[in-house]
Amino acid sequence: MSYWVRTQDKKNLVQLERILLNGKKVKGYSQMHPLGITLGSYGSEDRAAGVVDAMQGKIGSAAGLHIFFEMPREM
């Protein structure tokens, strides 16, 4: 299964191996991005954690070989 994420700024579509909550930012890591890429930035750590929860829900409900997730904009 592969996990693809479109960054909040809509400039990148990246395949990831690991997702990390880093304060108000959500970062993704892979062989192509070993130092990480910021997927999205939010107004609070709780909001960022909520986005990671949504990502986890998408992974848990996936039925196919590829999962796509688009990072939400900050409200």
N, C-alpha and C. Protein backbone atom coordinates (compact mmCIF):
# COMPACT_ATOMS: atom_id res chain seq x y z
N MET A 1 0.85 -1.17 0.00
CA MET A 1 0.00 0.00 0.00
C MET A 1 0.90 1.24 0.00
N SER A 2 0.55 2.21 -0.78
CA SER A 2 1.30 3.46 -0.80
C SER A 2 0.39 4.60 -0.34
N TYR A 3 0.99 5.56 0.36
CA TYR A 3 0.27 6.68 0.93
C TYR A 3 0.78 7.96 0.30
N TRP A 4 -0.09 8.65 -0.43
CA TRP A 4 0.25 9.88 -1.12
C TRP A 4 -0.45 11.05 -0.46
N VAL A 5 0.27 12.16 -0.29
CA VAL A 5 -0.29 13.35 0.34
C VAL A 5 0.01 14.57 -0.52
N ARG A 6 -1.02 15.36 -0.75
CA ARG A 6 -0.83 16.65 -1.43
C ARG A 6 -0.65 17.70 -0.34
N THR A 7 0.43 18.46 -0.43
CA THR A 7 0.74 19.43 0.60
C THR A 7 -0.31 20.54 0.65
N GLN A 8 -0.33 21.22 1.78
CA GLN A 8 -1.31 22.28 2.02
C GLN A 8 -1.21 23.39 0.97
N ASP A 9 0.00 23.69 0.51
CA ASP A 9 0.18 24.75 -0.49
C ASP A 9 -0.10 24.27 -1.91
N LYS A 10 -0.46 22.99 -2.06
CA LYS A 10 -0.84 22.38 -3.34
C LYS A 10 0.32 22.25 -4.33
N LYS A 11 1.56 22.47 -3.87
CA LYS A 11 2.71 22.44 -4.77
C LYS A 11 3.36 21.08 -4.90
N ASN A 12 3.07 20.17 -3.97
CA ASN A 12 3.72 18.86 -3.99
C ASN A 12 2.71 17.75 -3.75
N LEU A 13 2.92 16.65 -4.43
CA LEU A 13 2.21 15.40 -4.18
C LEU A 13 3.31 14.40 -3.87
N VAL A 14 3.37 13.95 -2.61
CA VAL A 14 4.50 13.14 -2.17
C VAL A 14 4.04 11.78 -1.65
N GLN A 15 4.85 10.78 -1.91
CA GLN A 15 4.61 9.45 -1.36
C GLN A 15 5.41 9.37 -0.05
N LEU A 16 4.74 8.94 1.02
CA LEU A 16 5.35 8.99 2.34
C LEU A 16 5.45 7.61 2.98
N GLU A 17 6.40 7.51 3.89
CA GLU A 17 6.56 6.31 4.71
C GLU A 17 6.20 6.60 6.16
N ARG A 18 6.33 7.85 6.59
CA ARG A 18 6.11 8.22 7.98
C ARG A 18 5.55 9.63 8.06
N ILE A 19 4.62 9.84 9.00
CA ILE A 19 4.03 11.16 9.23
C ILE A 19 4.26 11.51 10.70
N LEU A 20 4.65 12.77 10.94
CA LEU A 20 5.00 13.19 12.29
C LEU A 20 4.31 14.52 12.62
N LEU A 21 3.73 14.59 13.80
CA LEU A 21 3.20 15.85 14.32
C LEU A 21 4.34 16.57 15.00
N ASN A 22 4.64 17.78 14.54
CA ASN A 22 5.77 18.56 15.07
C ASN A 22 5.23 19.93 15.49
N GLY A 23 4.66 20.00 16.69
CA GLY A 23 4.05 21.24 17.14
C GLY A 23 2.83 21.57 16.31
N LYS A 24 2.85 22.72 15.65
CA LYS A 24 1.73 23.15 14.81
C LYS A 24 1.87 22.68 13.37
N LYS A 25 2.93 21.92 13.08
CA LYS A 25 3.18 21.43 11.72
C LYS A 25 3.00 19.92 11.63
N VAL A 26 2.61 19.49 10.44
CA VAL A 26 2.57 18.07 10.13
C VAL A 26 3.65 17.84 9.08
N LYS A 27 4.57 16.91 9.36
CA LYS A 27 5.69 16.65 8.46
C LYS A 27 5.61 15.22 7.96
N GLY A 28 6.15 15.01 6.77
CA GLY A 28 6.21 13.68 6.18
C GLY A 28 7.64 13.31 5.84
N TYR A 29 7.93 12.02 5.93
CA TYR A 29 9.28 11.51 5.67
C TYR A 29 9.22 10.33 4.72
N SER A 30 10.24 10.22 3.88
CA SER A 30 10.37 9.09 2.96
C SER A 30 11.83 9.03 2.50
N GLN A 31 12.13 8.08 1.66
CA GLN A 31 13.49 8.01 1.11
C GLN A 31 13.80 9.26 0.28
N MET A 32 12.79 9.80 -0.39
CA MET A 32 12.98 11.02 -1.19
C MET A 32 13.08 12.27 -0.31
N HIS A 33 12.54 12.20 0.90
CA HIS A 33 12.53 13.33 1.83
C HIS A 33 13.01 12.86 3.20
N PRO A 34 14.26 12.44 3.30
CA PRO A 34 14.75 11.90 4.58
C PRO A 34 14.81 12.93 5.70
N LEU A 35 14.91 14.20 5.37
CA LEU A 35 14.92 15.25 6.39
C LEU A 35 13.52 15.80 6.66
N GLY A 36 12.56 15.30 5.91
CA GLY A 36 11.17 15.69 6.10
C GLY A 36 10.73 16.81 5.19
N ILE A 37 9.44 16.83 4.94
CA ILE A 37 8.80 17.89 4.17
C ILE A 37 7.57 18.33 4.96
N THR A 38 7.38 19.63 5.08
CA THR A 38 6.20 20.14 5.78
C THR A 38 4.99 19.93 4.89
N LEU A 39 4.03 19.19 5.42
CA LEU A 39 2.81 18.91 4.68
C LEU A 39 1.77 20.00 4.91
N GLY A 40 1.75 20.56 6.12
CA GLY A 40 0.82 21.62 6.45
C GLY A 40 1.17 22.27 7.77
N SER A 41 0.78 23.52 7.93
CA SER A 41 0.97 24.27 9.17
C SER A 41 -0.38 24.78 9.63
N TYR A 42 -0.62 24.73 10.95
CA TYR A 42 -1.93 25.07 11.48
C TYR A 42 -1.81 26.03 12.65
N GLY A 43 -2.90 26.62 13.05
CA GLY A 43 -2.92 27.65 14.07
C GLY A 43 -2.67 27.15 15.48
N SER A 44 -2.86 25.86 15.70
CA SER A 44 -2.62 25.30 17.02
C SER A 44 -2.17 23.84 16.88
N GLU A 45 -1.55 23.35 17.95
CA GLU A 45 -1.13 21.95 17.95
C GLU A 45 -2.35 21.02 17.93
N ASP A 46 -3.44 21.44 18.58
CA ASP A 46 -4.67 20.63 18.57
C ASP A 46 -5.22 20.49 17.16
N ARG A 47 -5.20 21.57 16.40
CA ARG A 47 -5.69 21.52 15.01
C ARG A 47 -4.81 20.59 14.18
N ALA A 48 -3.49 20.69 14.34
CA ALA A 48 -2.57 19.83 13.61
C ALA A 48 -2.79 18.37 14.00
N ALA A 49 -3.02 18.11 15.29
CA ALA A 49 -3.30 16.74 15.74
C ALA A 49 -4.60 16.22 15.14
N GLY A 50 -5.58 17.10 14.98
CA GLY A 50 -6.84 16.70 14.35
C GLY A 50 -6.64 16.28 12.89
N VAL A 51 -5.75 16.96 12.19
CA VAL A 51 -5.44 16.61 10.81
C VAL A 51 -4.76 15.24 10.77
N VAL A 52 -3.83 14.99 11.70
CA VAL A 52 -3.18 13.68 11.76
C VAL A 52 -4.21 12.59 12.07
N ASP A 53 -5.17 12.90 12.93
CA ASP A 53 -6.26 11.95 13.21
C ASP A 53 -7.04 11.63 11.95
N ALA A 54 -7.32 12.66 11.14
CA ALA A 54 -8.04 12.44 9.87
C ALA A 54 -7.22 11.57 8.92
N MET A 55 -5.91 11.78 8.90
CA MET A 55 -5.03 10.97 8.06
C MET A 55 -5.07 9.51 8.52
N GLN A 56 -5.03 9.31 9.83
CA GLN A 56 -5.09 7.96 10.38
C GLN A 56 -6.41 7.29 10.01
N GLY A 57 -7.50 8.04 10.09
CA GLY A 57 -8.80 7.50 9.71
C GLY A 57 -8.85 7.08 8.25
N LYS A 58 -8.22 7.87 7.40
CA LYS A 58 -8.16 7.55 5.97
C LYS A 58 -7.37 6.26 5.75
N ILE A 59 -6.26 6.09 6.46
CA ILE A 59 -5.46 4.87 6.35
C ILE A 59 -6.27 3.67 6.82
N GLY A 60 -6.96 3.83 7.96
CA GLY A 60 -7.72 2.74 8.54
C GLY A 60 -8.90 2.28 7.70
N SER A 61 -9.44 3.17 6.89
CA SER A 61 -10.61 2.82 6.08
C SER A 61 -10.27 2.51 4.63
N ALA A 62 -8.99 2.50 4.29
CA ALA A 62 -8.58 2.30 2.90
C ALA A 62 -8.78 0.86 2.47
N ALA A 63 -9.27 0.72 1.26
CA ALA A 63 -9.49 -0.62 0.71
C ALA A 63 -8.58 -0.90 -0.49
N GLY A 64 -7.98 0.12 -1.05
CA GLY A 64 -7.18 -0.05 -2.26
C GLY A 64 -5.69 -0.12 -2.00
N LEU A 65 -4.94 -0.11 -3.10
CA LEU A 65 -3.49 -0.18 -3.02
C LEU A 65 -2.86 1.19 -2.77
N HIS A 66 -3.59 2.24 -3.12
CA HIS A 66 -3.06 3.60 -2.97
C HIS A 66 -4.04 4.42 -2.15
N ILE A 67 -3.49 5.22 -1.25
CA ILE A 67 -4.30 6.13 -0.44
C ILE A 67 -3.87 7.54 -0.78
N PHE A 68 -4.84 8.41 -1.04
CA PHE A 68 -4.55 9.80 -1.34
C PHE A 68 -5.20 10.67 -0.27
N PHE A 69 -4.47 11.67 0.20
CA PHE A 69 -4.98 12.60 1.20
C PHE A 69 -4.52 14.00 0.83
N GLU A 70 -5.45 14.94 0.87
CA GLU A 70 -5.09 16.34 0.59
C GLU A 70 -5.13 17.11 1.91
N MET A 71 -4.02 17.75 2.24
CA MET A 71 -3.92 18.50 3.48
C MET A 71 -4.92 19.66 3.45
N PRO A 72 -5.73 19.79 4.51
CA PRO A 72 -6.70 20.90 4.55
C PRO A 72 -6.00 22.23 4.80
N ARG A 73 -6.63 23.27 4.30
CA ARG A 73 -6.13 24.62 4.57
C ARG A 73 -6.46 24.99 6.01
N GLU A 74 -5.75 25.95 6.54
CA GLU A 74 -6.04 26.44 7.87
C GLU A 74 -7.34 27.25 7.81
N MET A 75 -8.21 27.06 8.78
CA MET A 75 -9.49 27.78 8.79
C MET A 75 -9.39 29.04 9.57
